[in-house]
Amino acid sequence: MLAILVALAWWGSHPRVGWLPGAIEGFAWWIPGLYFAYALLKTAVAPQWRYRVHRWEIAADVVYTRVGWVSRQWQLVPVSRIQTVDHTQGWLERMFNVATLQIQTASHAGSSSIEGLDADLARRLSEDLAVRASELRDDAT
């Protein structure tokens, strides 16, 4: 994307081709520069920030997740209330050997998900949680 923006800025401000108006011609290089700054922040800062604000923990009787950058959401899912545990991998996740673990209950809050887990870890956790949920399930509805 950066290469395309640089090529368009060069082509638009080139004296022979110059399809940009004169007032904008001097600012044509700002677009690739701003995109480069955005891409740098997205690749250098965003993963560190995401790592610091996304947390999960699986205890003997509860699954704890915390997500959110600006506003945070904490969710505690009792293992005895778990109905299904799924681990999924999209095509991009398969490329990086990561998976998403989804824990669903009958609650109105829906499901809790843990993204970016190692694929083998997600598989092991889903199997372990399914076994624990069947052992701890009580008769309350």
Foldseek 3Di string as FASTA:
>chain_A
DLVVLVVCLCQCLPPVNNPDDPVCNVVSVVVSVVVVVVVCCCVPPVVVQQVVFWDWDDDLFWIWTWGDRPDIDIDIDGLLQWDAWDKDADPVCVVVQWIKIWTAGPDPVGIDIDGGHRNVVSVVVRVVSVVSNVVNHDDDD
